């Protein structure tokens, strides 16, 4: 299952320096949908990922977010993860240092299932 979702016009990128809509790559690994988060996430850029994650959470009992490509994430991204966590078994894979720090500072690393790699997240 490969799918791209994008709905913003790219006019506000939160420092991403990209043009055009931010696409959300999705695929299936061991029967679990994986959504790849990449780039910078703030209120201006979260919509495509939010739409894709919320849609997956409605359809699947477990959803994985591959966060290895996240360059920056603020409370908007964190709130999205917590919201999706409330509706499905959400697993966050390979968060980079800045995101790991955000999760630790807020205590979200105790609530969310944070995993080192995709194999661990889907076992």
C-alpha atoms as a PDB file:
ATOM      1  CA  UNK A   1       0.000   0.000   0.000  1.00  0.00           C
ATOM      2  CA  UNK A   2       1.866   3.064  -1.231  1.00  0.00           C
ATOM      3  CA  UNK A   3      -0.032   6.297  -1.082  1.00  0.00           C
ATOM      4  CA  UNK A   4       0.731   9.983  -1.092  1.00  0.00           C
ATOM      5  CA  UNK A   5      -1.483  12.514   0.585  1.00  0.00           C
ATOM      6  CA  UNK A   6      -1.045  16.233   0.285  1.00  0.00           C
ATOM      7  CA  UNK A   7      -3.463  19.083   0.628  1.00  0.00           C
ATOM      8  CA  UNK A   8      -1.645  22.265   1.508  1.00  0.00           C
ATOM      9  CA  UNK A   9      -0.473  24.682  -1.143  1.00  0.00           C
ATOM     10  CA  UNK A  10       3.083  24.933   0.152  1.00  0.00           C
ATOM     11  CA  UNK A  11       2.787  28.676   0.746  1.00  0.00           C
ATOM     12  CA  UNK A  12       3.832  28.444   4.418  1.00  0.00           C
ATOM     13  CA  UNK A  13       6.566  25.948   5.059  1.00  0.00           C
ATOM     14  CA  UNK A  14       7.816  26.755   8.530  1.00  0.00           C
ATOM     15  CA  UNK A  15      11.385  27.051   7.244  1.00  0.00           C
ATOM     16  CA  UNK A  16      11.314  23.905   5.134  1.00  0.00           C
ATOM     17  CA  UNK A  17      12.409  25.648   1.986  1.00  0.00           C
ATOM     18  CA  UNK A  18      10.313  23.294  -0.147  1.00  0.00           C
ATOM     19  CA  UNK A  19       7.834  24.147  -2.839  1.00  0.00           C
ATOM     20  CA  UNK A  20       4.635  22.297  -3.604  1.00  0.00           C
ATOM     21  CA  UNK A  21       2.590  20.087  -1.322  1.00  0.00           C
ATOM     22  CA  UNK A  22       4.294  17.968   1.299  1.00  0.00           C
ATOM     23  CA  UNK A  23       3.581  14.339   0.422  1.00  0.00           C
ATOM     24  CA  UNK A  24       3.075  11.627   3.002  1.00  0.00           C
ATOM     25  CA  UNK A  25       4.546   8.336   1.878  1.00  0.00           C
ATOM     26  CA  UNK A  26       2.707   5.286   3.164  1.00  0.00           C
ATOM     27  CA  UNK A  27       3.495   1.607   2.823  1.00  0.00           C
ATOM     28  CA  UNK A  28       2.783  -1.648   4.591  1.00  0.00           C
ATOM     29  CA  UNK A  29       5.357  -3.630   6.588  1.00  0.00           C
ATOM     30  CA  UNK A  30       4.404  -6.937   8.203  1.00  0.00           C
ATOM     31  CA  UNK A  31       0.752  -6.078   7.690  1.00  0.00           C
ATOM     32  CA  UNK A  32       1.022  -2.736   9.519  1.00  0.00           C
ATOM     33  CA  UNK A  33       0.624   0.627   7.775  1.00  0.00           C
ATOM     34  CA  UNK A  34       3.720   2.825   8.018  1.00  0.00           C
ATOM     35  CA  UNK A  35       3.539   6.563   7.409  1.00  0.00           C
ATOM     36  CA  UNK A  36       6.806   8.357   6.768  1.00  0.00           C
ATOM     37  CA  UNK A  37       7.070  11.760   8.432  1.00  0.00           C
ATOM     38  CA  UNK A  38       9.770  13.948   6.907  1.00  0.00           C
ATOM     39  CA  UNK A  39      10.609  17.616   7.027  1.00  0.00           C
ATOM     40  CA  UNK A  40       9.555  20.260   9.501  1.00  0.00           C
ATOM     41  CA  UNK A  41       6.211  20.170  11.283  1.00  0.00           C
ATOM     42  CA  UNK A  42       4.372  23.163  12.676  1.00  0.00           C
ATOM     43  CA  UNK A  43       0.816  24.513  12.293  1.00  0.00           C
ATOM     44  CA  UNK A  44       1.473  25.570   8.685  1.00  0.00           C
ATOM     45  CA  UNK A  45       2.751  22.176   7.523  1.00  0.00           C
ATOM     46  CA  UNK A  46       1.014  19.514   9.637  1.00  0.00           C
ATOM     47  CA  UNK A  47      -2.215  19.081   7.629  1.00  0.00           C
ATOM     48  CA  UNK A  48      -1.125  16.413   5.103  1.00  0.00           C
ATOM     49  CA  UNK A  49       0.414  14.224   7.814  1.00  0.00           C
ATOM     50  CA  UNK A  50      -2.547  14.784  10.148  1.00  0.00           C
ATOM     51  CA  UNK A  51      -5.034  13.812   7.441  1.00  0.00           C
ATOM     52  CA  UNK A  52      -3.080  10.669   6.557  1.00  0.00           C
ATOM     53  CA  UNK A  53      -2.540   9.595  10.175  1.00  0.00           C
ATOM     54  CA  UNK A  54      -6.126  10.170  11.248  1.00  0.00           C
ATOM     55  CA  UNK A  55      -7.389   8.267   8.211  1.00  0.00           C
ATOM     56  CA  UNK A  56      -5.057   5.323   8.936  1.00  0.00           C
ATOM     57  CA  UNK A  57      -6.060   5.336  12.616  1.00  0.00           C
ATOM     58  CA  UNK A  58      -9.722   4.932  11.632  1.00  0.00           C
ATOM     59  CA  UNK A  59      -8.935   1.892   9.482  1.00  0.00           C
ATOM     60  CA  UNK A  60      -6.181  -0.001  11.308  1.00  0.00           C
ATOM     61  CA  UNK A  61      -5.696  -1.206  14.888  1.00  0.00           C
ATOM     62  CA  UNK A  62      -1.959  -0.407  14.720  1.00  0.00           C
ATOM     63  CA  UNK A  63      -0.235   2.436  12.873  1.00  0.00           C
ATOM     64  CA  UNK A  64       3.486   3.207  12.680  1.00  0.00           C
ATOM     65  CA  UNK A  65       5.024   6.635  12.107  1.00  0.00           C
ATOM     66  CA  UNK A  66       8.566   6.514  10.762  1.00  0.00           C
ATOM     67  CA  UNK A  67       9.925   9.740  12.269  1.00  0.00           C
ATOM     68  CA  UNK A  68      13.564   9.363  11.203  1.00  0.00           C
ATOM     69  CA  UNK A  69      13.218  12.150   8.616  1.00  0.00           C
ATOM     70  CA  UNK A  70      11.674  14.753  10.913  1.00  0.00           C
ATOM     71  CA  UNK A  71      13.872  17.850  10.888  1.00  0.00           C
ATOM     72  CA  UNK A  72      11.825  19.910  13.331  1.00  0.00           C
ATOM     73  CA  UNK A  73       8.681  19.217  15.316  1.00  0.00           C
ATOM     74  CA  UNK A  74       6.818  21.499  17.670  1.00  0.00           C
ATOM     75  CA  UNK A  75       3.805  20.950  19.910  1.00  0.00           C
ATOM     76  CA  UNK A  76       1.588  20.667  16.827  1.00  0.00           C
ATOM     77  CA  UNK A  77       3.329  17.421  15.850  1.00  0.00           C
ATOM     78  CA  UNK A  78       3.300  16.193  19.441  1.00  0.00           C
ATOM     79  CA  UNK A  79      -0.430  16.909  19.802  1.00  0.00           C
ATOM     80  CA  UNK A  80      -1.090  15.004  16.580  1.00  0.00           C
ATOM     81  CA  UNK A  81       0.783  11.939  17.853  1.00  0.00           C
ATOM     82  CA  UNK A  82      -1.106  11.980  21.152  1.00  0.00           C
ATOM     83  CA  UNK A  83      -4.445  12.433  19.385  1.00  0.00           C
ATOM     84  CA  UNK A  84      -3.788   9.492  17.064  1.00  0.00           C
ATOM     85  CA  UNK A  85      -2.521   7.429  20.005  1.00  0.00           C
ATOM     86  CA  UNK A  86      -5.961   7.789  21.584  1.00  0.00           C
ATOM     87  CA  UNK A  87      -7.664   6.091  18.630  1.00  0.00           C
ATOM     88  CA  UNK A  88      -5.175   3.385  17.616  1.00  0.00           C
ATOM     89  CA  UNK A  89      -2.046   1.571  18.761  1.00  0.00           C
ATOM     90  CA  UNK A  90       0.444   4.172  17.514  1.00  0.00           C
ATOM     91  CA  UNK A  91       4.145   3.405  17.364  1.00  0.00           C
ATOM     92  CA  UNK A  92       6.775   6.066  16.654  1.00  0.00           C
ATOM     93  CA  UNK A  93       9.959   4.769  15.010  1.00  0.00           C
ATOM     94  CA  UNK A  94      13.456   6.273  15.092  1.00  0.00           C
ATOM     95  CA  UNK A  95      12.737   9.808  16.254  1.00  0.00           C
ATOM     96  CA  UNK A  96      15.763  12.081  15.716  1.00  0.00           C
ATOM     97  CA  UNK A  97      17.440  13.788  18.672  1.00  0.00           C
ATOM     98  CA  UNK A  98      15.277  16.951  18.642  1.00  0.00           C
ATOM     99  CA  UNK A  99      12.055  14.961  18.591  1.00  0.00           C
ATOM    100  CA  UNK A 100      13.307  12.500  21.222  1.00  0.00           C
ATOM    101  CA  UNK A 101      14.137  15.473  23.445  1.00  0.00           C
ATOM    102  CA  UNK A 102      10.642  16.939  22.934  1.00  0.00           C
ATOM    103  CA  UNK A 103       9.088  13.583  23.835  1.00  0.00           C
ATOM    104  CA  UNK A 104      11.258  13.291  26.955  1.00  0.00           C
ATOM    105  CA  UNK A 105      10.684  16.874  28.154  1.00  0.00           C
ATOM    106  CA  UNK A 106       6.920  16.511  27.872  1.00  0.00           C
ATOM    107  CA  UNK A 107       6.777  12.969  29.278  1.00  0.00           C
ATOM    108  CA  UNK A 108       5.210  11.790  26.035  1.00  0.00           C
ATOM    109  CA  UNK A 109       7.887   9.120  25.692  1.00  0.00           C
ATOM    110  CA  UNK A 110       6.167   7.389  28.628  1.00  0.00           C
ATOM    111  CA  UNK A 111       2.779   7.478  26.873  1.00  0.00           C
ATOM    112  CA  UNK A 112       3.702   6.831  23.259  1.00  0.00           C
ATOM    113  CA  UNK A 113       5.322   3.621  22.052  1.00  0.00           C
ATOM    114  CA  UNK A 114       8.689   4.857  20.823  1.00  0.00           C
ATOM    115  CA  UNK A 115      10.775   2.224  19.047  1.00  0.00           C
ATOM    116  CA  UNK A 116      14.297   2.191  17.643  1.00  0.00           C
ATOM    117  CA  UNK A 117      13.470   0.499  14.359  1.00  0.00           C
ATOM    118  CA  UNK A 118      10.661  -0.730  12.156  1.00  0.00           C
ATOM    119  CA  UNK A 119      11.199  -4.403  13.025  1.00  0.00           C
ATOM    120  CA  UNK A 120      10.747  -3.639  16.735  1.00  0.00           C
ATOM    121  CA  UNK A 121       7.689  -1.480  16.062  1.00  0.00           C
ATOM    122  CA  UNK A 122       5.911  -4.204  14.121  1.00  0.00           C
ATOM    123  CA  UNK A 123       6.783  -7.232  16.259  1.00  0.00           C
END
